[in-house]
Amino acid sequence: ATLSGKEVVPPVETGGNGMANFEVSDNSISYQLNVLNAGKITSVEIHKGAAGTNGEAIAIVFKPKDGSGNLLGNLPKIGDLPKISDLPKFSDISSTTQKSSSFSASGNINESSLTGPMKGKTISDLISALQSGETYVVVHTEDHPKGELRGQITENTS
């Protein structure tokens, strides 16, 4: 699925884009996600719904381990960092902001990833939903909690 802000309902202005690939084999689904220039990712989900419509989440593809949107895991807590007054002073550095970012993840979707109307069902149920053409991927971010990027999942038979 090609991911963009213009596919989100309603469309979202973003410099972000991405690609989500799913590979089905026997009774498993593996995924590869690549996202560029999007906000801080809070989750990536598969939703049931045709293009141009919104539907319920049916599988969680990716969620940061600590649930905070922190993709790096356990970094020091603010209280554990040195106080500003204890740091050396630098007068010649101007503020910088990083606009560009990239994110990649890969893994497997298993039955514990199923949610909403798909909860308690099997991977083969999810495979059937994916093959129906009525599913899409959403990248949820802090800036766009309802979705910054979206792409309809289509079957590639080549």
N, C-alpha and C. Protein backbone atom coordinates (compact mmCIF):
# COMPACT_ATOMS: atom_id res chain seq x y z
N ALA A 1 0.85 -1.18 0.00
CA ALA A 1 0.00 0.00 0.00
C ALA A 1 0.89 1.23 0.00
N THR A 2 0.62 2.16 -0.87
CA THR A 2 1.32 3.44 -0.90
C THR A 2 0.61 4.38 0.08
N LEU A 3 1.36 4.97 0.99
CA LEU A 3 0.77 5.77 2.06
C LEU A 3 0.94 7.26 1.80
N SER A 4 -0.16 8.02 1.90
CA SER A 4 -0.08 9.48 1.74
C SER A 4 -1.17 10.15 2.57
N GLY A 5 -1.00 11.44 2.79
CA GLY A 5 -1.99 12.22 3.54
C GLY A 5 -3.26 12.44 2.76
N LYS A 6 -3.17 12.45 1.41
CA LYS A 6 -4.37 12.73 0.62
C LYS A 6 -5.36 11.57 0.63
N GLU A 7 -4.92 10.38 1.07
CA GLU A 7 -5.82 9.22 1.16
C GLU A 7 -6.60 9.18 2.48
N VAL A 8 -6.12 9.97 3.47
CA VAL A 8 -6.80 10.02 4.77
C VAL A 8 -8.17 10.69 4.57
N VAL A 9 -9.19 10.24 5.30
CA VAL A 9 -10.53 10.82 5.20
C VAL A 9 -10.85 11.54 6.52
N PRO A 10 -10.97 12.91 6.51
CA PRO A 10 -10.68 13.82 5.40
C PRO A 10 -9.17 13.95 5.17
N PRO A 11 -8.74 14.41 3.95
CA PRO A 11 -7.31 14.49 3.63
C PRO A 11 -6.53 15.35 4.62
N VAL A 12 -5.25 15.01 4.78
CA VAL A 12 -4.35 15.68 5.73
C VAL A 12 -3.20 16.30 4.94
N GLU A 13 -2.85 17.55 5.27
CA GLU A 13 -1.67 18.20 4.70
C GLU A 13 -0.45 17.66 5.43
N THR A 14 0.43 16.97 4.72
CA THR A 14 1.64 16.44 5.33
C THR A 14 2.73 16.29 4.28
N GLY A 15 3.96 16.42 4.69
CA GLY A 15 5.08 16.13 3.80
C GLY A 15 5.44 14.66 3.87
N GLY A 16 4.70 13.91 4.68
CA GLY A 16 5.01 12.50 4.89
C GLY A 16 4.49 11.61 3.77
N ASN A 17 5.14 10.47 3.62
CA ASN A 17 4.68 9.44 2.71
C ASN A 17 5.28 8.12 3.16
N GLY A 18 4.83 7.05 2.56
CA GLY A 18 5.39 5.77 2.96
C GLY A 18 4.88 4.62 2.13
N MET A 19 5.32 3.43 2.52
CA MET A 19 4.95 2.21 1.84
C MET A 19 4.76 1.12 2.90
N ALA A 20 3.70 0.34 2.74
CA ALA A 20 3.47 -0.81 3.62
C ALA A 20 3.28 -2.02 2.73
N ASN A 21 4.11 -3.03 2.95
CA ASN A 21 4.00 -4.27 2.18
C ASN A 21 3.66 -5.41 3.13
N PHE A 22 2.73 -6.24 2.69
CA PHE A 22 2.33 -7.41 3.47
C PHE A 22 2.55 -8.64 2.62
N GLU A 23 3.13 -9.66 3.23
CA GLU A 23 3.34 -10.92 2.52
C GLU A 23 2.61 -12.03 3.25
N VAL A 24 1.75 -12.71 2.52
CA VAL A 24 0.94 -13.78 3.09
C VAL A 24 1.59 -15.11 2.73
N SER A 25 1.82 -15.96 3.74
CA SER A 25 2.30 -17.31 3.47
C SER A 25 1.63 -18.25 4.46
N ASP A 26 1.18 -19.37 3.96
CA ASP A 26 0.45 -20.36 4.75
C ASP A 26 -0.53 -19.68 5.71
N ASN A 27 -0.19 -19.61 6.99
CA ASN A 27 -1.12 -19.00 7.94
C ASN A 27 -0.46 -17.87 8.71
N SER A 28 0.36 -17.08 7.99
CA SER A 28 1.00 -15.95 8.64
C SER A 28 1.08 -14.76 7.68
N ILE A 29 1.24 -13.58 8.27
CA ILE A 29 1.39 -12.36 7.48
C ILE A 29 2.62 -11.63 8.01
N SER A 30 3.57 -11.37 7.12
CA SER A 30 4.71 -10.55 7.51
C SER A 30 4.51 -9.17 6.90
N TYR A 31 5.12 -8.16 7.54
CA TYR A 31 4.98 -6.80 7.02
C TYR A 31 6.32 -6.10 6.97
N GLN A 32 6.40 -5.11 6.08
CA GLN A 32 7.54 -4.21 5.99
C GLN A 32 6.96 -2.81 5.85
N LEU A 33 7.31 -1.92 6.77
CA LEU A 33 6.82 -0.53 6.77
C LEU A 33 7.99 0.41 6.55
N ASN A 34 7.79 1.40 5.70
CA ASN A 34 8.76 2.47 5.53
C ASN A 34 7.99 3.77 5.48
N VAL A 35 8.32 4.69 6.38
CA VAL A 35 7.62 5.98 6.45
C VAL A 35 8.68 7.09 6.46
N LEU A 36 8.45 8.12 5.64
CA LEU A 36 9.36 9.26 5.58
C LEU A 36 8.63 10.54 5.94
N ASN A 37 9.28 11.39 6.71
CA ASN A 37 8.82 12.76 6.98
C ASN A 37 7.45 12.86 7.63
N ALA A 38 7.06 11.86 8.40
CA ALA A 38 5.79 11.93 9.14
C ALA A 38 6.09 12.35 10.57
N GLY A 39 5.05 12.65 11.32
CA GLY A 39 5.20 13.01 12.73
C GLY A 39 5.56 11.80 13.58
N LYS A 40 5.57 12.00 14.88
CA LYS A 40 5.91 10.93 15.83
C LYS A 40 4.80 9.86 15.79
N ILE A 41 5.16 8.67 15.40
CA ILE A 41 4.18 7.60 15.17
C ILE A 41 3.69 7.03 16.50
N THR A 42 2.35 6.98 16.65
CA THR A 42 1.76 6.40 17.85
C THR A 42 1.25 4.99 17.58
N SER A 43 0.86 4.69 16.33
CA SER A 43 0.50 3.31 15.95
C SER A 43 0.32 3.23 14.45
N VAL A 44 0.44 2.00 13.95
CA VAL A 44 0.13 1.69 12.55
C VAL A 44 -0.87 0.56 12.60
N GLU A 45 -2.01 0.74 11.94
CA GLU A 45 -3.10 -0.24 12.02
C GLU A 45 -3.65 -0.57 10.65
N ILE A 46 -4.28 -1.74 10.57
CA ILE A 46 -5.08 -2.10 9.40
C ILE A 46 -6.53 -1.87 9.80
N HIS A 47 -7.26 -1.14 8.96
CA HIS A 47 -8.68 -0.88 9.18
C HIS A 47 -9.48 -1.54 8.07
N LYS A 48 -10.73 -1.87 8.37
CA LYS A 48 -11.66 -2.40 7.37
C LYS A 48 -12.37 -1.20 6.76
N GLY A 49 -12.39 -1.12 5.43
CA GLY A 49 -13.09 -0.03 4.77
C GLY A 49 -12.61 0.18 3.35
N ALA A 50 -13.55 0.60 2.50
CA ALA A 50 -13.22 0.89 1.10
C ALA A 50 -12.52 2.23 1.02
N ALA A 51 -11.88 2.50 -0.11
CA ALA A 51 -11.23 3.78 -0.35
C ALA A 51 -12.26 4.89 -0.16
N GLY A 52 -11.86 5.98 0.51
CA GLY A 52 -12.75 7.11 0.70
C GLY A 52 -13.69 6.98 1.88
N THR A 53 -13.62 5.86 2.60
CA THR A 53 -14.47 5.67 3.78
C THR A 53 -13.59 5.35 4.98
N ASN A 54 -14.09 5.60 6.17
CA ASN A 54 -13.38 5.24 7.40
C ASN A 54 -14.02 4.01 8.01
N GLY A 55 -13.21 3.12 8.55
CA GLY A 55 -13.73 1.92 9.19
C GLY A 55 -12.96 1.62 10.46
N GLU A 56 -13.39 0.57 11.14
CA GLU A 56 -12.78 0.18 12.42
C GLU A 56 -11.43 -0.49 12.22
N ALA A 57 -10.55 -0.32 13.21
CA ALA A 57 -9.27 -1.03 13.21
C ALA A 57 -9.54 -2.52 13.38
N ILE A 58 -8.84 -3.34 12.59
CA ILE A 58 -8.99 -4.80 12.73
C ILE A 58 -7.67 -5.48 13.10
N ALA A 59 -6.53 -4.77 12.93
CA ALA A 59 -5.24 -5.34 13.34
C ALA A 59 -4.27 -4.22 13.64
N ILE A 60 -3.49 -4.42 14.70
CA ILE A 60 -2.44 -3.47 15.05
C ILE A 60 -1.15 -4.00 14.45
N VAL A 61 -0.60 -3.25 13.50
CA VAL A 61 0.63 -3.67 12.82
C VAL A 61 1.83 -3.31 13.69
N PHE A 62 1.82 -2.08 14.20
CA PHE A 62 2.95 -1.60 14.99
C PHE A 62 2.47 -0.62 16.05
N LYS A 63 3.00 -0.77 17.24
CA LYS A 63 2.75 0.19 18.32
C LYS A 63 4.05 0.28 19.11
N PRO A 64 4.53 1.49 19.44
CA PRO A 64 5.76 1.58 20.22
C PRO A 64 5.65 0.76 21.51
N LYS A 65 6.75 0.15 21.90
CA LYS A 65 6.75 -0.76 23.05
C LYS A 65 6.20 -0.14 24.34
N ASP A 66 6.56 1.13 24.59
CA ASP A 66 6.12 1.73 25.86
C ASP A 66 4.83 2.53 25.70
N GLY A 67 4.22 2.53 24.50
CA GLY A 67 2.94 3.18 24.29
C GLY A 67 3.01 4.70 24.27
N SER A 68 4.22 5.27 24.37
CA SER A 68 4.32 6.73 24.46
C SER A 68 4.66 7.36 23.12
N GLY A 69 4.82 6.55 22.08
CA GLY A 69 5.28 7.09 20.81
C GLY A 69 6.79 7.15 20.77
N ASN A 70 7.45 6.66 21.82
CA ASN A 70 8.91 6.64 21.88
C ASN A 70 9.40 5.38 21.19
N LEU A 71 9.91 5.53 19.96
CA LEU A 71 10.33 4.37 19.18
C LEU A 71 11.65 3.79 19.68
N LEU A 72 12.37 4.53 20.52
CA LEU A 72 13.69 4.09 20.96
C LEU A 72 13.66 3.30 22.26
N GLY A 73 12.49 3.08 22.82
CA GLY A 73 12.41 2.29 24.04
C GLY A 73 12.75 3.10 25.27
N ASN A 74 13.57 2.56 26.14
CA ASN A 74 13.82 3.18 27.44
C ASN A 74 14.96 4.17 27.42
N LEU A 75 14.67 5.42 27.21
CA LEU A 75 15.66 6.48 27.32
C LEU A 75 15.58 7.02 28.74
N PRO A 76 16.61 7.77 29.18
CA PRO A 76 16.56 8.30 30.55
C PRO A 76 15.33 9.20 30.75
N LYS A 77 14.78 9.14 31.93
CA LYS A 77 13.65 10.01 32.26
C LYS A 77 14.18 11.43 32.48
N ILE A 78 13.32 12.42 32.28
CA ILE A 78 13.73 13.82 32.42
C ILE A 78 14.40 14.06 33.77
N GLY A 79 13.87 13.48 34.84
CA GLY A 79 14.44 13.67 36.17
C GLY A 79 15.85 13.11 36.30
N ASP A 80 16.21 12.15 35.42
CA ASP A 80 17.54 11.53 35.48
C ASP A 80 18.58 12.32 34.70
N LEU A 81 18.13 13.29 33.90
CA LEU A 81 19.06 14.07 33.09
C LEU A 81 19.65 15.20 33.92
N PRO A 82 20.85 15.69 33.54
CA PRO A 82 21.43 16.80 34.31
C PRO A 82 20.55 18.04 34.19
N LYS A 83 20.56 18.86 35.23
CA LYS A 83 19.80 20.11 35.19
C LYS A 83 20.45 21.06 34.19
N ILE A 84 19.63 21.90 33.56
CA ILE A 84 20.15 22.86 32.57
C ILE A 84 21.28 23.68 33.17
N SER A 85 21.13 24.10 34.43
CA SER A 85 22.15 24.95 35.07
C SER A 85 23.48 24.20 35.25
N ASP A 86 23.43 22.84 35.22
CA ASP A 86 24.65 22.06 35.39
C ASP A 86 25.38 21.83 34.06
N LEU A 87 24.73 22.16 32.94
CA LEU A 87 25.34 21.93 31.64
C LEU A 87 26.24 23.09 31.26
N PRO A 88 27.29 22.84 30.47
CA PRO A 88 28.14 23.95 30.01
C PRO A 88 27.31 24.92 29.15
N LYS A 89 27.67 26.17 29.17
CA LYS A 89 26.94 27.20 28.41
C LYS A 89 27.54 27.31 27.00
N PHE A 90 26.69 27.34 26.01
CA PHE A 90 27.13 27.55 24.63
C PHE A 90 26.37 28.76 24.10
N SER A 91 27.08 29.80 23.72
CA SER A 91 26.39 31.02 23.30
C SER A 91 26.26 31.14 21.79
N ASP A 92 27.06 30.38 21.02
CA ASP A 92 27.08 30.58 19.58
C ASP A 92 26.23 29.56 18.82
N ILE A 93 25.40 28.79 19.52
CA ILE A 93 24.59 27.78 18.84
C ILE A 93 23.16 28.28 18.74
N SER A 94 22.64 28.34 17.51
CA SER A 94 21.23 28.73 17.37
C SER A 94 20.38 27.47 17.39
N SER A 95 19.11 27.64 17.65
CA SER A 95 18.19 26.52 17.77
C SER A 95 18.02 25.82 16.42
N THR A 96 17.96 24.50 16.42
CA THR A 96 17.72 23.76 15.18
C THR A 96 16.52 22.85 15.40
N THR A 97 15.76 22.65 14.35
CA THR A 97 14.65 21.71 14.43
C THR A 97 14.80 20.72 13.29
N GLN A 98 14.52 19.49 13.59
CA GLN A 98 14.63 18.46 12.58
C GLN A 98 13.26 18.19 11.99
N LYS A 99 13.12 18.44 10.68
CA LYS A 99 11.84 18.24 10.02
C LYS A 99 11.79 16.87 9.36
N SER A 100 12.93 16.41 8.93
CA SER A 100 12.94 15.18 8.15
C SER A 100 13.16 13.98 9.07
N SER A 101 12.44 12.93 8.84
CA SER A 101 12.62 11.73 9.66
C SER A 101 12.23 10.52 8.83
N SER A 102 12.80 9.41 9.19
CA SER A 102 12.40 8.18 8.52
C SER A 102 12.18 7.11 9.58
N PHE A 103 11.32 6.18 9.25
CA PHE A 103 10.97 5.10 10.18
C PHE A 103 10.78 3.83 9.37
N SER A 104 11.36 2.75 9.82
CA SER A 104 11.17 1.44 9.18
C SER A 104 10.88 0.42 10.25
N ALA A 105 10.01 -0.52 9.93
CA ALA A 105 9.73 -1.62 10.84
C ALA A 105 9.34 -2.82 10.01
N SER A 106 9.64 -3.99 10.53
CA SER A 106 9.19 -5.22 9.87
C SER A 106 8.89 -6.22 10.97
N GLY A 107 8.05 -7.18 10.64
CA GLY A 107 7.70 -8.19 11.63
C GLY A 107 6.55 -9.03 11.12
N ASN A 108 5.90 -9.69 12.06
CA ASN A 108 4.78 -10.57 11.72
C ASN A 108 3.53 -10.14 12.46
N ILE A 109 2.40 -10.27 11.79
CA ILE A 109 1.12 -10.02 12.44
C ILE A 109 0.63 -11.37 12.94
N ASN A 110 0.29 -11.45 14.23
CA ASN A 110 -0.23 -12.71 14.75
C ASN A 110 -1.62 -12.47 15.35
N GLU A 111 -2.24 -13.51 15.86
CA GLU A 111 -3.62 -13.39 16.33
C GLU A 111 -3.76 -12.42 17.49
N SER A 112 -2.69 -12.21 18.27
CA SER A 112 -2.78 -11.23 19.37
C SER A 112 -2.82 -9.80 18.83
N SER A 113 -2.47 -9.61 17.55
CA SER A 113 -2.51 -8.28 16.93
C SER A 113 -3.92 -7.91 16.48
N LEU A 114 -4.83 -8.90 16.43
CA LEU A 114 -6.18 -8.66 15.93
C LEU A 114 -6.99 -7.88 16.96
N THR A 115 -7.81 -6.94 16.48
CA THR A 115 -8.55 -6.06 17.37
C THR A 115 -9.92 -5.75 16.77
N GLY A 116 -10.73 -5.04 17.53
CA GLY A 116 -12.06 -4.64 17.03
C GLY A 116 -12.87 -5.86 16.60
N PRO A 117 -13.56 -5.75 15.44
CA PRO A 117 -14.41 -6.87 14.99
C PRO A 117 -13.61 -8.13 14.63
N MET A 118 -12.29 -8.01 14.50
CA MET A 118 -11.44 -9.17 14.13
C MET A 118 -10.91 -9.88 15.37
N LYS A 119 -11.06 -9.26 16.57
CA LYS A 119 -10.53 -9.84 17.81
C LYS A 119 -11.12 -11.24 18.04
N GLY A 120 -10.28 -12.19 18.39
CA GLY A 120 -10.75 -13.55 18.64
C GLY A 120 -10.86 -14.39 17.38
N LYS A 121 -10.59 -13.79 16.21
CA LYS A 121 -10.63 -14.54 14.96
C LYS A 121 -9.23 -15.03 14.62
N THR A 122 -9.08 -15.59 13.45
CA THR A 122 -7.80 -16.20 13.07
C THR A 122 -7.08 -15.36 12.01
N ILE A 123 -5.80 -15.69 11.80
CA ILE A 123 -5.01 -15.01 10.76
C ILE A 123 -5.65 -15.27 9.39
N SER A 124 -6.21 -16.46 9.18
CA SER A 124 -6.85 -16.69 7.88
C SER A 124 -8.06 -15.78 7.67
N ASP A 125 -8.76 -15.40 8.75
CA ASP A 125 -9.85 -14.41 8.63
C ASP A 125 -9.28 -13.06 8.17
N LEU A 126 -8.13 -12.68 8.75
CA LEU A 126 -7.50 -11.42 8.35
C LEU A 126 -7.03 -11.49 6.90
N ILE A 127 -6.45 -12.62 6.51
CA ILE A 127 -6.00 -12.79 5.13
C ILE A 127 -7.18 -12.62 4.17
N SER A 128 -8.33 -13.21 4.49
CA SER A 128 -9.53 -13.04 3.65
C SER A 128 -9.93 -11.57 3.55
N ALA A 129 -9.86 -10.85 4.68
CA ALA A 129 -10.21 -9.42 4.68
C ALA A 129 -9.23 -8.64 3.79
N LEU A 130 -7.93 -8.95 3.91
CA LEU A 130 -6.92 -8.25 3.10
C LEU A 130 -7.16 -8.51 1.61
N GLN A 131 -7.52 -9.73 1.27
CA GLN A 131 -7.73 -10.09 -0.14
C GLN A 131 -9.01 -9.50 -0.71
N SER A 132 -9.91 -9.00 0.16
CA SER A 132 -11.19 -8.45 -0.30
C SER A 132 -11.03 -7.07 -0.96
N GLY A 133 -9.88 -6.40 -0.74
CA GLY A 133 -9.70 -5.05 -1.27
C GLY A 133 -10.37 -3.99 -0.42
N GLU A 134 -10.96 -4.41 0.71
CA GLU A 134 -11.71 -3.50 1.58
C GLU A 134 -10.95 -3.21 2.88
N THR A 135 -9.62 -3.14 2.80
CA THR A 135 -8.82 -2.83 3.98
C THR A 135 -7.79 -1.76 3.61
N TYR A 136 -7.36 -1.01 4.61
CA TYR A 136 -6.35 0.02 4.39
C TYR A 136 -5.44 0.12 5.61
N VAL A 137 -4.26 0.71 5.38
CA VAL A 137 -3.29 0.92 6.44
C VAL A 137 -3.35 2.39 6.86
N VAL A 138 -3.31 2.64 8.17
CA VAL A 138 -3.27 4.02 8.68
C VAL A 138 -2.06 4.17 9.59
N VAL A 139 -1.30 5.26 9.37
CA VAL A 139 -0.21 5.63 10.26
C VAL A 139 -0.74 6.77 11.13
N HIS A 140 -0.94 6.48 12.43
CA HIS A 140 -1.41 7.48 13.39
C HIS A 140 -0.19 8.16 13.99
N THR A 141 -0.24 9.49 14.12
CA THR A 141 0.88 10.24 14.71
C THR A 141 0.35 11.17 15.79
N GLU A 142 1.27 11.71 16.59
CA GLU A 142 0.87 12.66 17.64
C GLU A 142 0.16 13.87 17.02
N ASP A 143 0.66 14.36 15.88
CA ASP A 143 0.05 15.53 15.24
C ASP A 143 -1.29 15.21 14.59
N HIS A 144 -1.46 13.97 14.15
CA HIS A 144 -2.69 13.56 13.46
C HIS A 144 -3.18 12.23 14.06
N PRO A 145 -3.81 12.30 15.25
CA PRO A 145 -4.22 11.06 15.94
C PRO A 145 -5.22 10.21 15.15
N LYS A 146 -5.97 10.82 14.22
CA LYS A 146 -6.91 10.04 13.41
C LYS A 146 -6.25 9.49 12.14
N GLY A 147 -4.98 9.84 11.94
CA GLY A 147 -4.24 9.33 10.81
C GLY A 147 -3.55 10.42 10.03
N GLU A 148 -2.23 10.25 9.82
CA GLU A 148 -1.47 11.20 9.00
C GLU A 148 -1.27 10.64 7.61
N LEU A 149 -1.12 9.32 7.53
CA LEU A 149 -0.90 8.65 6.24
C LEU A 149 -1.85 7.47 6.14
N ARG A 150 -2.29 7.19 4.90
CA ARG A 150 -3.20 6.07 4.68
C ARG A 150 -2.98 5.53 3.28
N GLY A 151 -3.19 4.23 3.13
CA GLY A 151 -3.13 3.61 1.82
C GLY A 151 -3.99 2.36 1.77
N GLN A 152 -4.73 2.22 0.68
CA GLN A 152 -5.57 1.04 0.48
C GLN A 152 -4.67 -0.17 0.21
N ILE A 153 -5.00 -1.31 0.80
CA ILE A 153 -4.22 -2.54 0.59
C ILE A 153 -4.76 -3.22 -0.66
N THR A 154 -3.87 -3.45 -1.61
CA THR A 154 -4.26 -4.14 -2.86
C THR A 154 -3.41 -5.37 -3.02
N GLU A 155 -3.95 -6.35 -3.71
CA GLU A 155 -3.23 -7.59 -3.90
C GLU A 155 -2.30 -7.47 -5.09
N ASN A 156 -1.05 -7.84 -4.87
CA ASN A 156 -0.07 -7.84 -5.96
C ASN A 156 0.22 -9.29 -6.28
N THR A 157 -0.18 -9.73 -7.45
CA THR A 157 -0.07 -11.15 -7.77
C THR A 157 1.20 -11.48 -8.54
N SER A 158 2.05 -10.49 -8.79
CA SER A 158 3.26 -10.77 -9.57
C SER A 158 4.33 -11.43 -8.72
